[in-house]
Amino acid sequence: MFISEELLIKCAEEFGMNLSDDVVLKFDTYAKELVNYNEKVNLTAITEPDDIVIKHFADSLAFFKYSGIGKGDSVADVGTGAGFPGVPVLIAGDNLDVTLFDAVNKKLDFIRHLLKELDLKANVVHIRAEDAGKMPEYREKFDYVTARAVAQLRILSEFCIPLVKVDGKFVSMKGSISEEEKTNGISAFSKLGTELYDDIIYNIHNGDERNIIIGKKISQVSSKYPRNMGQISKKPL
């Protein structure tokens, strides 16, 4: 094993998950492929096996404890990068319909390679999030939309919430964030037909603080959102 099986199982148990042997092996393959591919394409600064388990895999698995996702649900990961949290969610989930969005095709090439190695299927889409939110095949189509450490919450909300179905959830996975960012983000929720559903602060295995902020979509988003990137950057919600 490239990673510590014991550490992965322990970290997963902290989020109420029991991983099968097959799932553990898939995570081990993921870690090996991530480190190998990272030598030619910059995917992550985290390459030590224990750090990958704690800071990438276990951190992604927190999604299951706090989101409420169920069998067969659809989930989109916006700005997936090296696949976090979307690929761990796909590996450990129960027959989920996973879509992985990113604007950088080199990173998606890794995802495509990885999915073949893992014998898993997901929708891998090379697109900017603000463009995806305008397209009928993606707009308001997902039960859950998530993103991990992509942008400030109010900006991220405009990227992600247009993709969420009414009654679905936007799950923002953050490190520790300022109260100002949180307040501005939650204010943006209301402009996008969404209300605060939960705000969870917790610690991962090494003690680092994390914050998951969940919005529940209560009405359709105005057709003027998402705006183009220039407008979003110059005048965030």
C-alpha atoms as a PDB file:
ATOM      1  CA  MET A   1       0.000   0.000   0.000  1.00  0.00           C
ATOM      2  CA  PHE A   2       1.180   3.496  -0.859  1.00  0.00           C
ATOM      3  CA  ILE A   3      -0.974   5.104   1.840  1.00  0.00           C
ATOM      4  CA  SER A   4      -1.677   3.948   5.386  1.00  0.00           C
ATOM      5  CA  GLU A   5      -4.832   1.825   5.277  1.00  0.00           C
ATOM      6  CA  GLU A   6      -5.204   2.210   9.035  1.00  0.00           C
ATOM      7  CA  LEU A   7      -5.044   6.006   8.855  1.00  0.00           C
ATOM      8  CA  LEU A   8      -7.567   6.208   6.006  1.00  0.00           C
ATOM      9  CA  ILE A   9     -10.029   3.937   7.817  1.00  0.00           C
ATOM     10  CA  LYS A  10      -9.616   5.888  11.062  1.00  0.00           C
ATOM     11  CA  CYS A  11     -10.116   9.245   9.332  1.00  0.00           C
ATOM     12  CA  ALA A  12     -13.205   7.978   7.520  1.00  0.00           C
ATOM     13  CA  GLU A  13     -14.662   6.632  10.771  1.00  0.00           C
ATOM     14  CA  GLU A  14     -14.352  10.118  12.252  1.00  0.00           C
ATOM     15  CA  PHE A  15     -16.953  11.159   9.683  1.00  0.00           C
ATOM     16  CA  GLY A  16     -19.149   8.116  10.317  1.00  0.00           C
ATOM     17  CA  MET A  17     -17.997   6.143   7.273  1.00  0.00           C
ATOM     18  CA  ASN A  18     -16.944   2.502   7.048  1.00  0.00           C
ATOM     19  CA  LEU A  19     -14.856   1.920   3.939  1.00  0.00           C
ATOM     20  CA  SER A  20     -14.822  -1.446   2.170  1.00  0.00           C
ATOM     21  CA  ASP A  21     -11.570  -3.096   1.112  1.00  0.00           C
ATOM     22  CA  ASP A  22     -12.314  -2.219  -2.509  1.00  0.00           C
ATOM     23  CA  VAL A  23     -12.824   1.455  -1.651  1.00  0.00           C
ATOM     24  CA  VAL A  24      -9.577   1.528   0.345  1.00  0.00           C
ATOM     25  CA  LEU A  25      -7.710   0.089  -2.648  1.00  0.00           C
ATOM     26  CA  LYS A  26      -9.227   2.719  -4.935  1.00  0.00           C
ATOM     27  CA  PHE A  27      -8.021   5.483  -2.619  1.00  0.00           C
ATOM     28  CA  ASP A  28      -4.561   3.921  -2.606  1.00  0.00           C
ATOM     29  CA  THR A  29      -4.510   3.931  -6.414  1.00  0.00           C
ATOM     30  CA  TYR A  30      -5.755   7.529  -6.409  1.00  0.00           C
ATOM     31  CA  ALA A  31      -2.880   8.632  -4.168  1.00  0.00           C
ATOM     32  CA  LYS A  32      -0.251   6.849  -6.277  1.00  0.00           C
ATOM     33  CA  GLU A  33      -1.616   8.274  -9.531  1.00  0.00           C
ATOM     34  CA  LEU A  34      -1.864  11.766  -8.035  1.00  0.00           C
ATOM     35  CA  VAL A  35       1.788  11.785  -6.955  1.00  0.00           C
ATOM     36  CA  ASN A  36       3.032  10.298 -10.236  1.00  0.00           C
ATOM     37  CA  TYR A  37       0.992  12.632 -12.444  1.00  0.00           C
ATOM     38  CA  ASN A  38       1.947  15.617 -10.290  1.00  0.00           C
ATOM     39  CA  GLU A  39       5.513  15.268 -11.571  1.00  0.00           C
ATOM     40  CA  LYS A  40       4.416  16.490 -15.010  1.00  0.00           C
ATOM     41  CA  VAL A  41       1.319  18.586 -14.221  1.00  0.00           C
ATOM     42  CA  ASN A  42       1.033  20.762 -11.128  1.00  0.00           C
ATOM     43  CA  LEU A  43      -2.026  19.333  -9.373  1.00  0.00           C
ATOM     44  CA  THR A  44      -1.249  19.670  -5.668  1.00  0.00           C
ATOM     45  CA  ALA A  45       1.422  20.799  -3.229  1.00  0.00           C
ATOM     46  CA  ILE A  46       0.374  17.938  -0.929  1.00  0.00           C
ATOM     47  CA  THR A  47       2.288  14.800  -1.877  1.00  0.00           C
ATOM     48  CA  GLU A  48       3.166  13.016   1.370  1.00  0.00           C
ATOM     49  CA  PRO A  49       0.947   9.914   1.704  1.00  0.00           C
ATOM     50  CA  ASP A  50      -0.367  10.728   5.208  1.00  0.00           C
ATOM     51  CA  ASP A  51      -1.059  14.323   4.173  1.00  0.00           C
ATOM     52  CA  ILE A  52      -2.956  13.129   1.107  1.00  0.00           C
ATOM     53  CA  VAL A  53      -5.120  10.904   3.330  1.00  0.00           C
ATOM     54  CA  ILE A  54      -5.835  13.614   5.913  1.00  0.00           C
ATOM     55  CA  LYS A  55      -5.919  16.832   3.880  1.00  0.00           C
ATOM     56  CA  HIS A  56      -7.405  15.540   0.628  1.00  0.00           C
ATOM     57  CA  PHE A  57      -9.262  12.254   1.135  1.00  0.00           C
ATOM     58  CA  ALA A  58     -10.668  12.585   4.666  1.00  0.00           C
ATOM     59  CA  ASP A  59     -11.366  16.281   4.156  1.00  0.00           C
ATOM     60  CA  SER A  60     -13.411  15.389   1.064  1.00  0.00           C
ATOM     61  CA  LEU A  61     -15.268  12.594   2.888  1.00  0.00           C
ATOM     62  CA  ALA A  62     -16.597  15.134   5.398  1.00  0.00           C
ATOM     63  CA  PHE A  63     -19.075  15.931   2.622  1.00  0.00           C
ATOM     64  CA  PHE A  64     -21.013  12.755   3.461  1.00  0.00           C
ATOM     65  CA  LYS A  65     -21.422  13.532   7.149  1.00  0.00           C
ATOM     66  CA  TYR A  66     -22.713  17.050   6.696  1.00  0.00           C
ATOM     67  CA  SER A  67     -24.457  17.256   3.297  1.00  0.00           C
ATOM     68  CA  GLY A  68     -27.169  14.607   3.687  1.00  0.00           C
ATOM     69  CA  ILE A  69     -26.523  13.168   0.217  1.00  0.00           C
ATOM     70  CA  GLY A  70     -28.289   9.889  -0.557  1.00  0.00           C
ATOM     71  CA  LYS A  71     -28.137   6.984  -2.981  1.00  0.00           C
ATOM     72  CA  GLY A  72     -28.426   7.959  -6.628  1.00  0.00           C
ATOM     73  CA  ASP A  73     -28.298  11.725  -6.034  1.00  0.00           C
ATOM     74  CA  SER A  74     -26.605  13.990  -8.565  1.00  0.00           C
ATOM     75  CA  VAL A  75     -23.644  16.080  -7.467  1.00  0.00           C
ATOM     76  CA  ALA A  76     -21.482  18.594  -9.309  1.00  0.00           C
ATOM     77  CA  ASP A  77     -17.989  19.546  -8.166  1.00  0.00           C
ATOM     78  CA  VAL A  78     -17.087  23.027  -9.395  1.00  0.00           C
ATOM     79  CA  GLY A  79     -13.382  23.720  -9.926  1.00  0.00           C
ATOM     80  CA  THR A  80     -12.550  20.100  -9.176  1.00  0.00           C
ATOM     81  CA  GLY A  81      -8.808  20.469  -9.893  1.00  0.00           C
ATOM     82  CA  ALA A  82      -7.197  17.164  -8.936  1.00  0.00           C
ATOM     83  CA  GLY A  83     -10.641  15.779  -8.104  1.00  0.00           C
ATOM     84  CA  PHE A  84     -11.449  17.097  -4.642  1.00  0.00           C
ATOM     85  CA  PRO A  85     -13.986  16.569  -3.268  1.00  0.00           C
ATOM     86  CA  GLY A  86     -15.762  15.043  -6.276  1.00  0.00           C
ATOM     87  CA  VAL A  87     -13.670  11.927  -6.908  1.00  0.00           C
ATOM     88  CA  PRO A  88     -13.532  10.797  -3.242  1.00  0.00           C
ATOM     89  CA  VAL A  89     -17.307  11.332  -3.148  1.00  0.00           C
ATOM     90  CA  LEU A  90     -17.618   9.183  -6.278  1.00  0.00           C
ATOM     91  CA  ILE A  91     -15.352   6.463  -4.833  1.00  0.00           C
ATOM     92  CA  ALA A  92     -17.095   6.229  -1.477  1.00  0.00           C
ATOM     93  CA  GLY A  93     -20.648   7.122  -2.525  1.00  0.00           C
ATOM     94  CA  ASP A  94     -23.602   4.904  -3.277  1.00  0.00           C
ATOM     95  CA  ASN A  95     -24.366   4.973  -7.003  1.00  0.00           C
ATOM     96  CA  LEU A  96     -24.018   8.743  -7.282  1.00  0.00           C
ATOM     97  CA  ASP A  97     -24.281  10.707 -10.526  1.00  0.00           C
ATOM     98  CA  VAL A  98     -21.122  12.859 -10.379  1.00  0.00           C
ATOM     99  CA  THR A  99     -20.151  15.727 -12.680  1.00  0.00           C
ATOM    100  CA  LEU A 100     -16.706  17.307 -12.434  1.00  0.00           C
ATOM    101  CA  PHE A 101     -16.268  20.833 -13.790  1.00  0.00           C
ATOM    102  CA  ASP A 102     -12.965  22.619 -14.339  1.00  0.00           C
ATOM    103  CA  ALA A 103     -11.670  25.344 -16.631  1.00  0.00           C
ATOM    104  CA  VAL A 104      -8.180  23.794 -16.872  1.00  0.00           C
ATOM    105  CA  ASN A 105      -8.148  20.868 -19.278  1.00  0.00           C
ATOM    106  CA  LYS A 106      -4.722  19.605 -18.139  1.00  0.00           C
ATOM    107  CA  LYS A 107      -6.238  18.868 -14.746  1.00  0.00           C
ATOM    108  CA  LEU A 108      -9.210  17.146 -16.344  1.00  0.00           C
ATOM    109  CA  ASP A 109      -6.815  14.991 -18.373  1.00  0.00           C
ATOM    110  CA  PHE A 110      -5.591  13.656 -15.026  1.00  0.00           C
ATOM    111  CA  ILE A 111      -9.184  13.045 -13.909  1.00  0.00           C
ATOM    112  CA  ARG A 112      -9.951  11.123 -17.108  1.00  0.00           C
ATOM    113  CA  HIS A 113      -6.806   9.033 -16.653  1.00  0.00           C
ATOM    114  CA  LEU A 114      -7.647   8.413 -12.995  1.00  0.00           C
ATOM    115  CA  LEU A 115     -11.222   7.320 -13.680  1.00  0.00           C
ATOM    116  CA  LYS A 116      -9.939   4.727 -16.148  1.00  0.00           C
ATOM    117  CA  GLU A 117      -7.488   3.415 -13.560  1.00  0.00           C
ATOM    118  CA  LEU A 118     -10.279   3.227 -10.967  1.00  0.00           C
ATOM    119  CA  ASP A 119     -12.835   1.779 -13.413  1.00  0.00           C
ATOM    120  CA  LEU A 120     -15.300   4.498 -12.443  1.00  0.00           C
ATOM    121  CA  LYS A 121     -17.519   6.767 -14.501  1.00  0.00           C
ATOM    122  CA  ALA A 122     -18.283  10.454 -14.065  1.00  0.00           C
ATOM    123  CA  ASN A 123     -19.181  13.347 -16.319  1.00  0.00           C
ATOM    124  CA  VAL A 124     -15.959  15.321 -16.874  1.00  0.00           C
ATOM    125  CA  VAL A 125     -16.642  18.765 -18.322  1.00  0.00           C
ATOM    126  CA  HIS A 126     -14.113  21.352 -19.478  1.00  0.00           C
ATOM    127  CA  ILE A 127     -15.957  24.593 -18.826  1.00  0.00           C
ATOM    128  CA  ARG A 128     -15.926  27.703 -16.681  1.00  0.00           C
ATOM    129  CA  ALA A 129     -18.504  27.558 -13.908  1.00  0.00           C
ATOM    130  CA  GLU A 130     -20.149  30.842 -14.896  1.00  0.00           C
ATOM    131  CA  ASP A 131     -20.690  29.433 -18.399  1.00  0.00           C
ATOM    132  CA  ALA A 132     -22.052  26.119 -17.117  1.00  0.00           C
ATOM    133  CA  GLY A 133     -24.646  27.978 -15.072  1.00  0.00           C
ATOM    134  CA  LYS A 134     -26.121  29.501 -18.235  1.00  0.00           C
ATOM    135  CA  MET A 135     -26.441  26.209 -20.129  1.00  0.00           C
ATOM    136  CA  PRO A 136     -29.805  24.387 -20.054  1.00  0.00           C
ATOM    137  CA  GLU A 137     -28.164  20.964 -19.598  1.00  0.00           C
ATOM    138  CA  TYR A 138     -26.550  22.099 -16.341  1.00  0.00           C
ATOM    139  CA  ARG A 139     -28.598  24.996 -14.985  1.00  0.00           C
ATOM    140  CA  GLU A 140     -30.622  23.949 -11.921  1.00  0.00           C
ATOM    141  CA  LYS A 141     -30.002  20.245 -12.665  1.00  0.00           C
ATOM    142  CA  PHE A 142     -28.093  19.006  -9.604  1.00  0.00           C
ATOM    143  CA  ASP A 143     -29.251  17.809  -6.186  1.00  0.00           C
ATOM    144  CA  TYR A 144     -25.937  18.947  -4.709  1.00  0.00           C
ATOM    145  CA  VAL A 145     -23.280  21.330  -5.937  1.00  0.00           C
ATOM    146  CA  THR A 146     -20.016  21.562  -4.055  1.00  0.00           C
ATOM    147  CA  ALA A 147     -16.675  23.309  -4.289  1.00  0.00           C
ATOM    148  CA  ARG A 148     -13.599  23.123  -2.124  1.00  0.00           C
ATOM    149  CA  ALA A 149     -11.310  26.115  -1.573  1.00  0.00           C
ATOM    150  CA  VAL A 150     -12.086  27.732  -4.944  1.00  0.00           C
ATOM    151  CA  ALA A 151     -13.006  31.384  -4.256  1.00  0.00           C
ATOM    152  CA  GLN A 152     -14.559  33.749  -1.721  1.00  0.00           C
ATOM    153  CA  LEU A 153     -17.984  32.525  -0.676  1.00  0.00           C
ATOM    154  CA  ARG A 154     -20.004  35.309  -2.303  1.00  0.00           C
ATOM    155  CA  ILE A 155     -18.189  34.732  -5.625  1.00  0.00           C
ATOM    156  CA  LEU A 156     -18.406  30.972  -5.293  1.00  0.00           C
ATOM    157  CA  SER A 157     -22.143  31.243  -4.628  1.00  0.00           C
ATOM    158  CA  GLU A 158     -22.741  32.914  -7.980  1.00  0.00           C
ATOM    159  CA  PHE A 159     -20.714  30.181  -9.712  1.00  0.00           C
ATOM    160  CA  CYS A 160     -22.472  27.306  -7.982  1.00  0.00           C
ATOM    161  CA  ILE A 161     -26.029  28.119  -6.954  1.00  0.00           C
ATOM    162  CA  PRO A 162     -27.365  28.523 -10.528  1.00  0.00           C
ATOM    163  CA  LEU A 163     -26.471  24.828 -11.010  1.00  0.00           C
ATOM    164  CA  VAL A 164     -28.501  23.656  -7.984  1.00  0.00           C
ATOM    165  CA  LYS A 165     -32.049  22.313  -8.338  1.00  0.00           C
ATOM    166  CA  VAL A 166     -34.784  23.996  -6.336  1.00  0.00           C
ATOM    167  CA  ASP A 167     -34.781  22.141  -2.969  1.00  0.00           C
ATOM    168  CA  GLY A 168     -31.183  21.079  -3.633  1.00  0.00           C
ATOM    169  CA  LYS A 169     -28.125  22.182  -1.675  1.00  0.00           C
ATOM    170  CA  PHE A 170     -24.965  24.147  -2.266  1.00  0.00           C
ATOM    171  CA  VAL A 171     -22.163  22.745  -0.077  1.00  0.00           C
ATOM    172  CA  SER A 172     -19.174  25.065   0.250  1.00  0.00           C
ATOM    173  CA  MET A 173     -16.132  23.337   1.771  1.00  0.00           C
ATOM    174  CA  LYS A 174     -13.736  25.849   3.271  1.00  0.00           C
ATOM    175  CA  GLY A 175     -10.824  26.170   5.625  1.00  0.00           C
ATOM    176  CA  SER A 176     -11.344  28.572   8.491  1.00  0.00           C
ATOM    177  CA  ILE A 177     -12.833  31.764   7.031  1.00  0.00           C
ATOM    178  CA  SER A 178     -13.479  35.249   8.370  1.00  0.00           C
ATOM    179  CA  GLU A 179     -16.867  36.297   9.672  1.00  0.00           C
ATOM    180  CA  GLU A 180     -16.874  39.007   7.005  1.00  0.00           C
ATOM    181  CA  GLU A 181     -16.510  36.461   4.195  1.00  0.00           C
ATOM    182  CA  LYS A 182     -19.207  34.308   5.750  1.00  0.00           C
ATOM    183  CA  THR A 183     -21.630  37.229   6.209  1.00  0.00           C
ATOM    184  CA  ASN A 184     -21.083  38.438   2.636  1.00  0.00           C
ATOM    185  CA  GLY A 185     -21.528  34.905   1.320  1.00  0.00           C
ATOM    186  CA  ILE A 186     -24.775  34.312   3.155  1.00  0.00           C
ATOM    187  CA  SER A 187     -26.035  37.677   1.892  1.00  0.00           C
ATOM    188  CA  ALA A 188     -25.276  36.485  -1.651  1.00  0.00           C
ATOM    189  CA  PHE A 189     -27.329  33.330  -0.980  1.00  0.00           C
ATOM    190  CA  SER A 190     -30.505  35.386  -0.602  1.00  0.00           C
ATOM    191  CA  LYS A 191     -29.950  37.115  -3.968  1.00  0.00           C
ATOM    192  CA  LEU A 192     -29.711  33.668  -5.548  1.00  0.00           C
ATOM    193  CA  GLY A 193     -32.918  32.135  -4.183  1.00  0.00           C
ATOM    194  CA  THR A 194     -31.114  30.312  -1.390  1.00  0.00           C
ATOM    195  CA  GLU A 195     -31.232  30.319   2.407  1.00  0.00           C
ATOM    196  CA  LEU A 196     -28.613  29.250   4.936  1.00  0.00           C
ATOM    197  CA  TYR A 197     -29.244  25.614   5.843  1.00  0.00           C
ATOM    198  CA  ASP A 198     -26.231  24.815   8.019  1.00  0.00           C
ATOM    199  CA  ASP A 199     -22.884  26.222   9.094  1.00  0.00           C
ATOM    200  CA  ILE A 200     -20.533  23.599  10.524  1.00  0.00           C
ATOM    201  CA  ILE A 201     -17.077  24.151  11.987  1.00  0.00           C
ATOM    202  CA  TYR A 202     -15.067  21.008  12.636  1.00  0.00           C
ATOM    203  CA  ASN A 203     -11.497  19.693  12.742  1.00  0.00           C
ATOM    204  CA  ILE A 204      -9.844  17.168  10.473  1.00  0.00           C
ATOM    205  CA  HIS A 205      -7.570  14.460  11.861  1.00  0.00           C
ATOM    206  CA  ASN A 206      -4.479  16.674  12.223  1.00  0.00           C
ATOM    207  CA  GLY A 207      -6.424  19.349  14.110  1.00  0.00           C
ATOM    208  CA  ASP A 208      -6.800  21.833  11.242  1.00  0.00           C
ATOM    209  CA  GLU A 209     -10.088  23.714  11.292  1.00  0.00           C
ATOM    210  CA  ARG A 210     -12.586  23.398   8.467  1.00  0.00           C
ATOM    211  CA  ASN A 211     -15.914  25.099   7.756  1.00  0.00           C
ATOM    212  CA  ILE A 212     -18.765  23.725   5.650  1.00  0.00           C
ATOM    213  CA  ILE A 213     -21.471  26.232   4.791  1.00  0.00           C
ATOM    214  CA  ILE A 214     -24.618  24.805   3.233  1.00  0.00           C
ATOM    215  CA  GLY A 215     -27.316  26.732   1.418  1.00  0.00           C
ATOM    216  CA  LYS A 216     -30.699  25.273   0.479  1.00  0.00           C
ATOM    217  CA  LYS A 217     -32.206  26.443  -2.809  1.00  0.00           C
ATOM    218  CA  ILE A 218     -35.759  27.654  -2.231  1.00  0.00           C
ATOM    219  CA  SER A 219     -36.531  29.331  -5.566  1.00  0.00           C
ATOM    220  CA  GLN A 220     -35.193  29.628  -9.092  1.00  0.00           C
ATOM    221  CA  VAL A 221     -32.294  31.985  -9.716  1.00  0.00           C
ATOM    222  CA  SER A 222     -32.905  35.127 -11.745  1.00  0.00           C
ATOM    223  CA  SER A 223     -31.847  34.691 -15.369  1.00  0.00           C
ATOM    224  CA  LYS A 224     -29.306  37.504 -14.937  1.00  0.00           C
ATOM    225  CA  TYR A 225     -27.133  35.165 -12.846  1.00  0.00           C
ATOM    226  CA  PRO A 226     -24.456  34.020 -13.203  1.00  0.00           C
ATOM    227  CA  ARG A 227     -22.946  37.154 -14.692  1.00  0.00           C
ATOM    228  CA  ASN A 228     -19.716  37.063 -16.677  1.00  0.00           C
ATOM    229  CA  MET A 229     -16.425  36.761 -14.814  1.00  0.00           C
ATOM    230  CA  GLY A 230     -15.508  40.418 -15.242  1.00  0.00           C
ATOM    231  CA  GLN A 231     -18.749  41.543 -13.604  1.00  0.00           C
ATOM    232  CA  ILE A 232     -18.473  38.967 -10.821  1.00  0.00           C
ATOM    233  CA  SER A 233     -14.911  40.079 -10.027  1.00  0.00           C
ATOM    234  CA  LYS A 234     -15.564  43.805 -10.174  1.00  0.00           C
ATOM    235  CA  LYS A 235     -18.828  43.774  -8.247  1.00  0.00           C
ATOM    236  CA  PRO A 236     -19.328  40.587  -6.189  1.00  0.00           C
ATOM    237  CA  LEU A 237     -22.815  40.010  -4.811  1.00  0.00           C
END
